[in-house]
Protein backbone atom coordinates (compact mmCIF):
# COMPACT_ATOMS: atom_id res chain seq x y z
CA LEU A 1 29.64 -9.59 14.94
CA SER A 2 29.65 -7.23 11.85
CA SER A 3 30.73 -4.02 13.50
CA GLY A 4 31.63 -2.45 16.51
CA THR A 5 34.11 0.28 18.18
CA LEU A 6 37.41 -0.59 19.33
CA THR A 7 38.63 2.22 21.68
CA TRP A 8 42.35 1.88 22.80
CA SER A 9 44.26 4.07 25.63
CA GLY A 10 46.86 6.13 24.84
CA ASP A 11 47.64 8.37 21.99
CA GLY A 12 44.63 7.49 19.67
CA SER A 13 46.62 5.94 17.05
CA ARG A 14 45.84 2.64 16.11
CA PRO A 15 47.83 -0.25 18.21
CA ARG A 16 50.64 -2.15 16.71
CA THR A 17 48.65 -5.44 15.89
CA GLY A 18 50.22 -9.45 15.58
CA VAL A 19 48.10 -11.71 14.03
CA VAL A 20 48.18 -15.44 14.42
CA PHE A 21 45.71 -18.12 12.47
CA GLN A 22 44.79 -21.61 13.02
CA GLN A 23 47.56 -22.73 10.70
CA PRO A 24 51.22 -21.26 11.39
CA LEU A 25 51.23 -20.01 7.78
CA LEU A 26 55.34 -20.38 8.02
CA MET A 27 57.44 -19.93 4.95
CA PRO A 28 58.69 -23.27 3.95
CA TRP A 29 61.87 -21.99 2.38
CA LEU A 30 62.90 -20.19 5.62
CA SER A 31 64.21 -21.95 8.80
CA ALA A 32 62.05 -20.95 12.40
CA ALA A 33 64.70 -18.34 13.06
CA ASP A 34 64.02 -17.23 9.84
CA ASN A 35 60.65 -17.50 10.10
CA VAL A 36 60.08 -15.11 13.55
CA ALA A 37 62.61 -12.32 11.73
CA PHE A 38 60.35 -12.42 8.81
CA ALA A 39 57.91 -10.31 10.70
CA ARG A 40 60.61 -7.10 9.39
CA ARG A 41 59.08 -7.36 6.16
CA PHE A 42 55.33 -6.22 6.97
CA ALA A 43 55.95 -2.67 6.34
CA ALA A 44 53.41 -1.18 9.06
CA GLN A 45 55.32 -3.38 11.70
CA ARG A 46 59.02 -2.25 10.74
CA SER A 47 59.36 0.21 13.38
CA GLY A 48 58.70 -2.24 16.19
CA PHE A 49 61.26 -4.76 14.85
CA ASP A 50 64.60 -5.34 16.41
CA ALA A 51 66.67 -8.12 14.76
CA ASP A 52 68.33 -8.93 18.14
CA ASP A 53 65.41 -8.79 19.97
CA ALA A 54 63.83 -11.43 17.73
CA ALA A 55 66.48 -13.61 18.22
CA LYS A 56 66.41 -13.26 21.83
CA LEU A 57 62.50 -14.13 21.86
CA ILE A 58 63.44 -17.45 20.51
CA THR A 59 65.71 -18.26 23.36
CA ARG A 60 63.94 -16.58 25.81
CA PHE A 61 60.68 -18.80 24.93
CA GLY A 62 62.97 -22.24 24.58
CA LEU A 63 62.85 -22.35 20.62
CA ASP A 64 67.06 -22.52 20.62
CA HIS A 65 66.62 -26.17 19.32
CA LEU A 66 64.21 -25.61 16.81
CA ALA A 67 66.06 -22.29 15.09
CA ALA A 68 67.71 -24.07 12.31
CA ARG A 69 64.78 -25.97 11.48
CA TYR A 70 62.29 -25.94 8.44
CA PRO A 71 58.61 -25.82 8.66
CA ASP A 72 58.34 -29.47 7.68
CA GLU A 73 60.68 -30.64 10.29
CA LEU A 74 58.65 -29.18 12.99
CA SER A 75 55.70 -30.45 14.65
CA GLY A 76 52.27 -28.82 14.97
CA GLY A 77 52.94 -27.14 18.47
CA GLN A 78 56.50 -26.00 17.48
CA ALA A 79 55.41 -24.66 14.21
CA GLN A 80 52.45 -22.82 16.11
CA ARG A 81 55.05 -21.43 18.73
CA VAL A 82 57.39 -20.27 15.69
CA ALA A 83 53.98 -18.31 14.23
CA ILE A 84 53.11 -16.68 17.51
CA LEU A 85 57.05 -15.36 18.18
CA ARG A 86 56.74 -14.12 14.67
CA ALA A 87 53.54 -12.14 15.61
CA VAL A 88 55.28 -10.53 18.71
CA ALA A 89 58.57 -10.12 17.30
CA THR A 90 57.64 -6.42 16.46
CA ARG A 91 56.54 -6.08 19.81
CA PRO A 92 52.58 -5.45 19.03
CA GLN A 93 50.36 -3.75 21.73
CA LEU A 94 47.68 -6.33 20.40
CA LEU A 95 47.86 -9.89 19.75
CA LEU A 96 45.09 -11.55 17.84
CA LEU A 97 44.71 -14.87 17.91
CA ASP A 98 42.31 -17.23 15.83
CA GLU A 99 41.94 -20.80 17.33
CA PRO A 100 45.59 -21.30 16.96
CA PHE A 101 45.92 -24.32 19.20
CA SER A 102 42.58 -25.86 17.63
CA ALA A 103 44.67 -28.68 15.51
CA LEU A 104 46.98 -29.69 18.26
CA ASP A 105 46.45 -32.90 20.50
CA PRO A 106 45.19 -32.37 24.01
CA ALA A 107 48.46 -32.31 25.66
CA THR A 108 50.25 -30.12 23.02
CA ARG A 109 47.37 -27.92 23.56
CA THR A 110 47.45 -27.48 27.07
CA ASP A 111 51.24 -27.14 26.88
CA LEU A 112 50.90 -24.38 24.52
CA VAL A 113 48.24 -22.54 26.83
CA GLY A 114 50.63 -22.27 29.46
CA TRP A 115 53.21 -20.82 27.05
CA LEU A 116 50.97 -18.37 25.76
CA ARG A 117 49.97 -17.36 29.27
CA GLU A 118 53.60 -16.59 30.33
CA LEU A 119 54.48 -15.02 26.97
CA ALA A 120 51.79 -12.59 27.05
CA ARG A 121 52.59 -11.72 31.13
CA GLU A 122 56.08 -11.32 30.07
CA LEU A 123 55.47 -9.16 27.07
CA ASP A 124 52.84 -7.25 28.46
CA VAL A 125 50.59 -7.68 25.45
CA THR A 126 46.96 -7.57 25.19
CA VAL A 127 45.45 -10.88 23.60
CA VAL A 128 42.26 -11.34 21.87
CA LEU A 129 41.83 -15.38 21.56
CA VAL A 130 38.96 -16.61 19.63
CA THR A 131 38.25 -20.25 21.20
CA HIS A 132 35.56 -23.18 21.06
CA ASP A 133 37.54 -24.41 24.18
CA VAL A 134 36.00 -23.46 27.49
CA ASP A 135 38.92 -24.49 29.72
CA GLU A 136 41.42 -22.71 27.23
CA ALA A 137 39.30 -19.61 27.70
CA LEU A 138 39.01 -20.02 31.39
CA SER A 139 43.22 -20.86 31.48
CA LEU A 140 43.67 -17.73 29.58
CA ALA A 141 41.15 -14.81 30.22
CA GLN A 142 40.93 -12.02 32.32
CA ARG A 143 37.59 -11.63 30.24
CA ILE A 144 35.36 -13.76 28.59
CA VAL A 145 32.74 -12.97 26.25
CA LEU A 146 30.39 -15.85 24.85
CA LEU A 147 29.20 -14.96 21.34
CA ASP A 148 26.39 -17.14 19.43
CA GLY A 149 25.32 -16.15 16.23
CA GLY A 150 27.21 -12.94 16.15
CA ARG A 151 25.42 -12.08 19.23
CA ILE A 152 27.01 -11.40 23.02
CA ARG A 153 25.14 -13.83 25.12
CA ALA A 154 27.35 -13.57 27.89
CA ASP A 155 30.40 -11.54 29.36
CA TRP A 156 32.16 -12.51 32.47
CA THR A 157 35.30 -11.01 34.41
CA VAL A 158 37.46 -13.86 35.51
CA GLY A 159 39.27 -13.66 38.53
CA SER A 160 36.73 -11.54 40.08
CA ASP A 161 34.02 -12.65 42.77
CA GLY A 162 31.82 -14.07 39.94
CA THR A 163 34.38 -16.33 38.34
CA PRO A 164 32.56 -18.42 35.93
CA THR A 165 32.90 -21.88 35.80
CA ARG A 166 33.75 -24.16 33.18
CA GLY A 167 29.81 -25.57 33.85
CA GLU A 168 28.39 -22.22 34.18
CA ILE A 169 29.53 -20.98 30.90
CA LEU A 170 28.14 -24.14 29.15
CA ALA A 171 25.18 -24.06 30.85
CA GLN A 172 24.64 -20.25 29.87
CA TYR A 173 25.44 -21.19 26.16
CA ARG A 174 22.73 -24.10 26.03
CA ALA A 175 20.16 -22.09 27.37
CA ASP A 176 20.88 -19.30 25.01
CA ALA A 177 21.43 -21.53 22.07
CA ALA A 178 17.93 -22.85 22.99
CA VAL A 179 16.32 -19.61 22.92
CA GLU A 180 15.92 -18.47 19.22
CA VAL A 181 16.60 -14.75 18.66
CA PRO A 182 14.49 -13.01 16.01
C-alpha cells in the first residue's frame, strides 16, 4: 500500500508509537538495560518514559539475567526481546513490528510469539505486525489482512465464527496470486 488513512479513536492526536524492525538495532556500547532506557532519548516519546517503569519491564518480562550484557553477548532472540522492551518503554499506544522474528530459528520464534502475545495483553497496546508467517499471524492476531502487490486480497477477523485456518489463508493467497490484476 502506498497511501491510506489511519483513524485513531480518542482525542484525535497522533498516538505515541513504538517501532521494532527486523534487526534489533541495539546500541553496541550500551548494556541491555541501558538499551531499554535509551527510549528516553527519543524526543517525541519522552513524555511517556519513566526510568523506574522501564527497569520494571526488564524484570516483569524475564530479562533480569540479561540486563548487564552487551548486544554482542545476546542471542538473536534475546536481542529482539530487548528491542521490543525498548519500544514499549515509553508506553506506546501503537506498536509497529516489521517482521521482528524473521531471522530467528523456529523454536526461538515460537517462544517469542507467545512472549509478545503476553506483553501486548499485559501492556494493553495495539500491535500491527508485518509477517510472512501464517502460523505467527494466526497465533497473534485478532485481525489478519492478506496483502499482495500492495493490494488487500483478504481480510479476516480471528476468533469469530469465520476464523480462517492456515490452509484457508494459503489457499486464498495462492488463488489470488494466480489471478493477474491490471
